[in-house]
Amino acid sequence: MIIYSAMPLELIFQNEDSHAYDCQEIQVGAVTMVVQATGVNEAKIVRLISPNPQDYLNPSYAPGQKIYFRPNLDR
């Protein structure tokens, strides 16, 4: 990202550190994604990490979608 501005960068990015999200990387099937917990066994997709372009076209994997899961108790 390139920003062309006369304002100092300290003013533009002054609140950038306040967005400390509790994100974690999980795998759903063959798709790896970064999610943010929103409740018990519930998370919001923040980012998709996949080498398969078809995964990005799947609307259920779109950023902002909620996923529901069960914790893995085998660990």
PDB file of N, CA and C in Angstrom:
ATOM      1  N   MET A   1       0.851  -1.162   0.000  1.00  0.00           N
ATOM      2  CA  MET A   1       0.000   0.000   0.000  1.00  0.00           C
ATOM      3  C   MET A   1       0.901   1.230   0.000  1.00  0.00           C
ATOM      4  N   ILE A   2       0.561   2.178  -0.843  1.00  0.00           N
ATOM      5  CA  ILE A   2       1.297   3.432  -0.918  1.00  0.00           C
ATOM      6  C   ILE A   2       0.344   4.554  -0.527  1.00  0.00           C
ATOM      7  N   ILE A   3       0.802   5.395   0.386  1.00  0.00           N
ATOM      8  CA  ILE A   3      -0.003   6.528   0.827  1.00  0.00           C
ATOM      9  C   ILE A   3       0.716   7.807   0.446  1.00  0.00           C
ATOM     10  N   TYR A   4       0.038   8.641  -0.333  1.00  0.00           N
ATOM     11  CA  TYR A   4       0.555   9.957  -0.696  1.00  0.00           C
ATOM     12  C   TYR A   4      -0.187  10.981   0.152  1.00  0.00           C
ATOM     13  N   SER A   5       0.492  11.577   1.107  1.00  0.00           N
ATOM     14  CA  SER A   5      -0.158  12.518   2.007  1.00  0.00           C
ATOM     15  C   SER A   5       0.852  13.531   2.522  1.00  0.00           C
ATOM     16  N   ALA A   6       0.368  14.738   2.775  1.00  0.00           N
ATOM     17  CA  ALA A   6       1.205  15.771   3.382  1.00  0.00           C
ATOM     18  C   ALA A   6       1.221  15.639   4.902  1.00  0.00           C
ATOM     19  N   MET A   7       0.293  14.829   5.427  1.00  0.00           N
ATOM     20  CA  MET A   7       0.231  14.619   6.885  1.00  0.00           C
ATOM     21  C   MET A   7       1.348  13.673   7.310  1.00  0.00           C
ATOM     22  N   PRO A   8       1.903  13.863   8.498  1.00  0.00           N
ATOM     23  CA  PRO A   8       2.918  12.931   8.994  1.00  0.00           C
ATOM     24  C   PRO A   8       2.313  11.532   9.205  1.00  0.00           C
ATOM     25  N   LEU A   9       3.116  10.517   8.965  1.00  0.00           N
ATOM     26  CA  LEU A   9       2.642   9.142   9.120  1.00  0.00           C
ATOM     27  C   LEU A   9       2.212   8.833  10.547  1.00  0.00           C
ATOM     28  N   GLU A  10       2.793   9.532  11.530  1.00  0.00           N
ATOM     29  CA  GLU A  10       2.411   9.317  12.920  1.00  0.00           C
ATOM     30  C   GLU A  10       0.945   9.675  13.152  1.00  0.00           C
ATOM     31  N   LEU A  11       0.445  10.683  12.447  1.00  0.00           N
ATOM     32  CA  LEU A  11      -0.961  11.054  12.574  1.00  0.00           C
ATOM     33  C   LEU A  11      -1.877  10.081  11.841  1.00  0.00           C
ATOM     34  N   ILE A  12      -1.423   9.591  10.716  1.00  0.00           N
ATOM     35  CA  ILE A  12      -2.244   8.666   9.936  1.00  0.00           C
ATOM     36  C   ILE A  12      -2.381   7.330  10.657  1.00  0.00           C
ATOM     37  N   PHE A  13      -1.289   6.828  11.224  1.00  0.00           N
ATOM     38  CA  PHE A  13      -1.288   5.510  11.843  1.00  0.00           C
ATOM     39  C   PHE A  13      -1.278   5.561  13.366  1.00  0.00           C
ATOM     40  N   GLN A  14      -1.777   6.619  13.970  1.00  0.00           N
ATOM     41  CA  GLN A  14      -1.704   6.756  15.418  1.00  0.00           C
ATOM     42  C   GLN A  14      -2.539   5.722  16.160  1.00  0.00           C
ATOM     43  N   ASN A  15      -3.615   5.239  15.604  1.00  0.00           N
ATOM     44  CA  ASN A  15      -4.469   4.259  16.283  1.00  0.00           C
ATOM     45  C   ASN A  15      -4.268   2.849  15.753  1.00  0.00           C
ATOM     46  N   GLU A  16      -3.259   2.652  14.950  1.00  0.00           N
ATOM     47  CA  GLU A  16      -3.049   1.342  14.331  1.00  0.00           C
ATOM     48  C   GLU A  16      -2.726   0.257  15.354  1.00  0.00           C
ATOM     49  N   ASP A  17      -1.995   0.586  16.415  1.00  0.00           N
ATOM     50  CA  ASP A  17      -1.627  -0.407  17.419  1.00  0.00           C
ATOM     51  C   ASP A  17      -2.795  -0.774  18.328  1.00  0.00           C
ATOM     52  N   SER A  18      -3.838   0.020  18.342  1.00  0.00           N
ATOM     53  CA  SER A  18      -4.972  -0.266  19.223  1.00  0.00           C
ATOM     54  C   SER A  18      -5.864  -1.374  18.684  1.00  0.00           C
ATOM     55  N   HIS A  19      -5.587  -1.856  17.473  1.00  0.00           N
ATOM     56  CA  HIS A  19      -6.393  -2.920  16.877  1.00  0.00           C
ATOM     57  C   HIS A  19      -5.738  -4.281  17.113  1.00  0.00           C
ATOM     58  N   ALA A  20      -5.485  -4.606  18.336  1.00  0.00           N
ATOM     59  CA  ALA A  20      -4.868  -5.887  18.664  1.00  0.00           C
ATOM     60  C   ALA A  20      -5.961  -6.946  18.734  1.00  0.00           C
ATOM     61  N   TYR A  21      -6.167  -7.641  17.629  1.00  0.00           N
ATOM     62  CA  TYR A  21      -7.202  -8.661  17.558  1.00  0.00           C
ATOM     63  C   TYR A  21      -6.638  -9.994  18.015  1.00  0.00           C
ATOM     64  N   ASP A  22      -7.475 -10.777  18.625  1.00  0.00           N
ATOM     65  CA  ASP A  22      -7.083 -12.110  19.047  1.00  0.00           C
ATOM     66  C   ASP A  22      -7.405 -13.074  17.913  1.00  0.00           C
ATOM     67  N   CYS A  23      -6.494 -13.171  16.955  1.00  0.00           N
ATOM     68  CA  CYS A  23      -6.703 -14.011  15.784  1.00  0.00           C
ATOM     69  C   CYS A  23      -5.879 -15.277  15.907  1.00  0.00           C
ATOM     70  N   GLN A  24      -6.388 -16.321  15.287  1.00  0.00           N
ATOM     71  CA  GLN A  24      -5.638 -17.566  15.236  1.00  0.00           C
ATOM     72  C   GLN A  24      -5.838 -18.209  13.879  1.00  0.00           C
ATOM     73  N   GLU A  25      -4.873 -19.005  13.493  1.00  0.00           N
ATOM     74  CA  GLU A  25      -4.912 -19.685  12.211  1.00  0.00           C
ATOM     75  C   GLU A  25      -5.461 -21.088  12.429  1.00  0.00           C
ATOM     76  N   ILE A  26      -6.512 -21.441  11.682  1.00  0.00           N
ATOM     77  CA  ILE A  26      -7.111 -22.770  11.798  1.00  0.00           C
ATOM     78  C   ILE A  26      -7.232 -23.385  10.418  1.00  0.00           C
ATOM     79  N   GLN A  27      -7.496 -24.672  10.396  1.00  0.00           N
ATOM     80  CA  GLN A  27      -7.677 -25.380   9.133  1.00  0.00           C
ATOM     81  C   GLN A  27      -9.054 -26.022   9.134  1.00  0.00           C
ATOM     82  N   VAL A  28      -9.831 -25.715   8.106  1.00  0.00           N
ATOM     83  CA  VAL A  28     -11.160 -26.295   7.914  1.00  0.00           C
ATOM     84  C   VAL A  28     -11.087 -27.114   6.641  1.00  0.00           C
ATOM     85  N   GLY A  29     -11.064 -28.428   6.789  1.00  0.00           N
ATOM     86  CA  GLY A  29     -10.862 -29.293   5.634  1.00  0.00           C
ATOM     87  C   GLY A  29      -9.465 -29.075   5.093  1.00  0.00           C
ATOM     88  N   ALA A  30      -9.376 -28.684   3.819  1.00  0.00           N
ATOM     89  CA  ALA A  30      -8.076 -28.410   3.200  1.00  0.00           C
ATOM     90  C   ALA A  30      -7.776 -26.922   3.135  1.00  0.00           C
ATOM     91  N   VAL A  31      -8.642 -26.106   3.727  1.00  0.00           N
ATOM     92  CA  VAL A  31      -8.501 -24.653   3.646  1.00  0.00           C
ATOM     93  C   VAL A  31      -7.978 -24.116   4.975  1.00  0.00           C
ATOM     94  N   THR A  32      -6.924 -23.309   4.918  1.00  0.00           N
ATOM     95  CA  THR A  32      -6.391 -22.650   6.101  1.00  0.00           C
ATOM     96  C   THR A  32      -6.911 -21.222   6.111  1.00  0.00           C
ATOM     97  N   MET A  33      -7.342 -20.764   7.288  1.00  0.00           N
ATOM     98  CA  MET A  33      -7.877 -19.415   7.403  1.00  0.00           C
ATOM     99  C   MET A  33      -7.498 -18.804   8.740  1.00  0.00           C
ATOM    100  N   VAL A  34      -7.483 -17.488   8.777  1.00  0.00           N
ATOM    101  CA  VAL A  34      -7.244 -16.741  10.004  1.00  0.00           C
ATOM    102  C   VAL A  34      -8.617 -16.292  10.492  1.00  0.00           C
ATOM    103  N   VAL A  35      -8.927 -16.617  11.760  1.00  0.00           N
ATOM    104  CA  VAL A  35     -10.236 -16.288  12.309  1.00  0.00           C
ATOM    105  C   VAL A  35     -10.075 -15.498  13.601  1.00  0.00           C
ATOM    106  N   GLN A  36     -11.128 -14.765  13.937  1.00  0.00           N
ATOM    107  CA  GLN A  36     -11.191 -14.011  15.187  1.00  0.00           C
ATOM    108  C   GLN A  36     -12.364 -14.565  15.978  1.00  0.00           C
ATOM    109  N   ALA A  37     -12.108 -14.995  17.205  1.00  0.00           N
ATOM    110  CA  ALA A  37     -13.162 -15.567  18.039  1.00  0.00           C
ATOM    111  C   ALA A  37     -14.211 -14.508  18.350  1.00  0.00           C
ATOM    112  N   THR A  38     -15.492 -14.879  18.175  1.00  0.00           N
ATOM    113  CA  THR A  38     -16.595 -13.968  18.475  1.00  0.00           C
ATOM    114  C   THR A  38     -17.498 -14.526  19.565  1.00  0.00           C
ATOM    115  N   GLY A  39     -17.298 -15.758  19.938  1.00  0.00           N
ATOM    116  CA  GLY A  39     -18.112 -16.384  20.973  1.00  0.00           C
ATOM    117  C   GLY A  39     -17.614 -17.796  21.220  1.00  0.00           C
ATOM    118  N   VAL A  40     -18.373 -18.523  21.990  1.00  0.00           N
ATOM    119  CA  VAL A  40     -18.011 -19.909  22.279  1.00  0.00           C
ATOM    120  C   VAL A  40     -18.263 -20.742  21.027  1.00  0.00           C
ATOM    121  N   ASN A  41     -17.240 -21.402  20.534  1.00  0.00           N
ATOM    122  CA  ASN A  41     -17.300 -22.240  19.337  1.00  0.00           C
ATOM    123  C   ASN A  41     -17.785 -21.469  18.112  1.00  0.00           C
ATOM    124  N   GLU A  42     -17.479 -20.191  18.053  1.00  0.00           N
ATOM    125  CA  GLU A  42     -17.899 -19.347  16.945  1.00  0.00           C
ATOM    126  C   GLU A  42     -16.757 -18.390  16.614  1.00  0.00           C
ATOM    127  N   ALA A  43     -16.534 -18.172  15.327  1.00  0.00           N
ATOM    128  CA  ALA A  43     -15.466 -17.263  14.905  1.00  0.00           C
ATOM    129  C   ALA A  43     -15.850 -16.575  13.612  1.00  0.00           C
ATOM    130  N   LYS A  44     -15.203 -15.437  13.361  1.00  0.00           N
ATOM    131  CA  LYS A  44     -15.407 -14.678  12.128  1.00  0.00           C
ATOM    132  C   LYS A  44     -14.154 -14.820  11.281  1.00  0.00           C
ATOM    133  N   ILE A  45     -14.334 -15.110  10.005  1.00  0.00           N
ATOM    134  CA  ILE A  45     -13.203 -15.262   9.095  1.00  0.00           C
ATOM    135  C   ILE A  45     -12.597 -13.890   8.821  1.00  0.00           C
ATOM    136  N   VAL A  46     -11.287 -13.778   9.053  1.00  0.00           N
ATOM    137  CA  VAL A  46     -10.567 -12.530   8.808  1.00  0.00           C
ATOM    138  C   VAL A  46      -9.805 -12.614   7.491  1.00  0.00           C
ATOM    139  N   ARG A  47      -9.201 -13.783   7.232  1.00  0.00           N
ATOM    140  CA  ARG A  47      -8.347 -13.932   6.054  1.00  0.00           C
ATOM    141  C   ARG A  47      -8.332 -15.384   5.617  1.00  0.00           C
ATOM    142  N   LEU A  48      -8.284 -15.608   4.335  1.00  0.00           N
ATOM    143  CA  LEU A  48      -8.220 -16.952   3.778  1.00  0.00           C
ATOM    144  C   LEU A  48      -6.819 -17.192   3.238  1.00  0.00           C
ATOM    145  N   ILE A  49      -6.258 -18.366   3.548  1.00  0.00           N
ATOM    146  CA  ILE A  49      -4.922 -18.728   3.070  1.00  0.00           C
ATOM    147  C   ILE A  49      -5.065 -20.050   2.333  1.00  0.00           C
ATOM    148  N   SER A  50      -5.018 -20.007   1.019  1.00  0.00           N
ATOM    149  CA  SER A  50      -5.200 -21.222   0.236  1.00  0.00           C
ATOM    150  C   SER A  50      -4.534 -21.071  -1.123  1.00  0.00           C
ATOM    151  N   PRO A  51      -3.876 -22.129  -1.610  1.00  0.00           N
ATOM    152  CA  PRO A  51      -3.301 -22.058  -2.949  1.00  0.00           C
ATOM    153  C   PRO A  51      -4.337 -22.321  -4.042  1.00  0.00           C
ATOM    154  N   ASN A  52      -5.531 -22.770  -3.663  1.00  0.00           N
ATOM    155  CA  ASN A  52      -6.574 -23.105  -4.625  1.00  0.00           C
ATOM    156  C   ASN A  52      -7.454 -21.887  -4.891  1.00  0.00           C
ATOM    157  N   PRO A  53      -7.487 -21.370  -6.120  1.00  0.00           N
ATOM    158  CA  PRO A  53      -8.303 -20.194  -6.414  1.00  0.00           C
ATOM    159  C   PRO A  53      -9.799 -20.430  -6.225  1.00  0.00           C
ATOM    160  N   GLN A  54     -10.251 -21.657  -6.334  1.00  0.00           N
ATOM    161  CA  GLN A  54     -11.671 -21.957  -6.152  1.00  0.00           C
ATOM    162  C   GLN A  54     -12.134 -21.692  -4.727  1.00  0.00           C
ATOM    163  N   ASP A  55     -11.237 -21.806  -3.761  1.00  0.00           N
ATOM    164  CA  ASP A  55     -11.597 -21.533  -2.366  1.00  0.00           C
ATOM    165  C   ASP A  55     -11.973 -20.069  -2.161  1.00  0.00           C
ATOM    166  N   TYR A  56     -11.333 -19.164  -2.909  1.00  0.00           N
ATOM    167  CA  TYR A  56     -11.627 -17.743  -2.787  1.00  0.00           C
ATOM    168  C   TYR A  56     -12.976 -17.382  -3.410  1.00  0.00           C
ATOM    169  N   LEU A  57     -13.481 -18.227  -4.298  1.00  0.00           N
ATOM    170  CA  LEU A  57     -14.781 -17.991  -4.919  1.00  0.00           C
ATOM    171  C   LEU A  57     -15.924 -18.576  -4.101  1.00  0.00           C
ATOM    172  N   ASN A  58     -15.625 -19.358  -3.087  1.00  0.00           N
ATOM    173  CA  ASN A  58     -16.644 -19.962  -2.234  1.00  0.00           C
ATOM    174  C   ASN A  58     -17.174 -18.891  -1.274  1.00  0.00           C
ATOM    175  N   PRO A  59     -18.467 -18.531  -1.362  1.00  0.00           N
ATOM    176  CA  PRO A  59     -18.986 -17.468  -0.494  1.00  0.00           C
ATOM    177  C   PRO A  59     -18.994 -17.827   0.989  1.00  0.00           C
ATOM    178  N   SER A  60     -18.954 -19.091   1.331  1.00  0.00           N
ATOM    179  CA  SER A  60     -18.933 -19.459   2.747  1.00  0.00           C
ATOM    180  C   SER A  60     -17.566 -19.227   3.381  1.00  0.00           C
ATOM    181  N   TYR A  61     -16.524 -19.004   2.568  1.00  0.00           N
ATOM    182  CA  TYR A  61     -15.187 -18.708   3.080  1.00  0.00           C
ATOM    183  C   TYR A  61     -14.837 -17.231   2.967  1.00  0.00           C
ATOM    184  N   ALA A  62     -15.788 -16.382   2.649  1.00  0.00           N
ATOM    185  CA  ALA A  62     -15.521 -14.952   2.470  1.00  0.00           C
ATOM    186  C   ALA A  62     -15.206 -14.296   3.811  1.00  0.00           C
ATOM    187  N   PRO A  63     -14.298 -13.329   3.844  1.00  0.00           N
ATOM    188  CA  PRO A  63     -14.016 -12.613   5.090  1.00  0.00           C
ATOM    189  C   PRO A  63     -15.283 -11.966   5.637  1.00  0.00           C
ATOM    190  N   GLY A  64     -15.457 -12.098   6.940  1.00  0.00           N
ATOM    191  CA  GLY A  64     -16.654 -11.580   7.598  1.00  0.00           C
ATOM    192  C   GLY A  64     -17.693 -12.652   7.883  1.00  0.00           C
ATOM    193  N   GLN A  65     -17.595 -13.795   7.197  1.00  0.00           N
ATOM    194  CA  GLN A  65     -18.526 -14.894   7.437  1.00  0.00           C
ATOM    195  C   GLN A  65     -18.238 -15.532   8.787  1.00  0.00           C
ATOM    196  N   LYS A  66     -19.270 -16.006   9.433  1.00  0.00           N
ATOM    197  CA  LYS A  66     -19.100 -16.692  10.712  1.00  0.00           C
ATOM    198  C   LYS A  66     -19.012 -18.187  10.475  1.00  0.00           C
ATOM    199  N   ILE A  67     -18.122 -18.819  11.215  1.00  0.00           N
ATOM    200  CA  ILE A  67     -18.031 -20.271  11.174  1.00  0.00           C
ATOM    201  C   ILE A  67     -18.253 -20.797  12.583  1.00  0.00           C
ATOM    202  N   TYR A  68     -18.791 -21.979  12.656  1.00  0.00           N
ATOM    203  CA  TYR A  68     -19.054 -22.643  13.927  1.00  0.00           C
ATOM    204  C   TYR A  68     -18.241 -23.936  13.939  1.00  0.00           C
ATOM    205  N   PHE A  69     -17.623 -24.223  15.070  1.00  0.00           N
ATOM    206  CA  PHE A  69     -16.756 -25.389  15.134  1.00  0.00           C
ATOM    207  C   PHE A  69     -16.791 -25.991  16.525  1.00  0.00           C
ATOM    208  N   ARG A  70     -16.293 -27.212  16.602  1.00  0.00           N
ATOM    209  CA  ARG A  70     -16.121 -27.897  17.881  1.00  0.00           C
ATOM    210  C   ARG A  70     -14.635 -27.928  18.196  1.00  0.00           C
ATOM    211  N   PRO A  71     -14.265 -27.710  19.431  1.00  0.00           N
ATOM    212  CA  PRO A  71     -12.838 -27.773  19.771  1.00  0.00           C
ATOM    213  C   PRO A  71     -12.311 -29.198  19.619  1.00  0.00           C
ATOM    214  N   ASN A  72     -11.057 -29.299  19.200  1.00  0.00           N
ATOM    215  CA  ASN A  72     -10.409 -30.594  19.040  1.00  0.00           C
ATOM    216  C   ASN A  72      -9.857 -31.014  20.397  1.00  0.00           C
ATOM    217  N   LEU A  73     -10.427 -32.044  20.984  1.00  0.00           N
ATOM    218  CA  LEU A  73     -10.032 -32.498  22.306  1.00  0.00           C
ATOM    219  C   LEU A  73      -8.971 -33.588  22.267  1.00  0.00           C
ATOM    220  N   ASP A  74      -8.478 -33.926  21.067  1.00  0.00           N
ATOM    221  CA  ASP A  74      -7.462 -34.972  20.928  1.00  0.00           C
ATOM    222  C   ASP A  74      -6.071 -34.497  21.289  1.00  0.00           C
ATOM    223  N   ARG A  75      -5.876 -33.233  21.461  1.00  0.00           N
ATOM    224  CA  ARG A  75      -4.531 -32.695  21.739  1.00  0.00           C
ATOM    225  C   ARG A  75      -4.140 -32.881  23.150  1.00  0.00           C
TER     226      ARG A  75
END
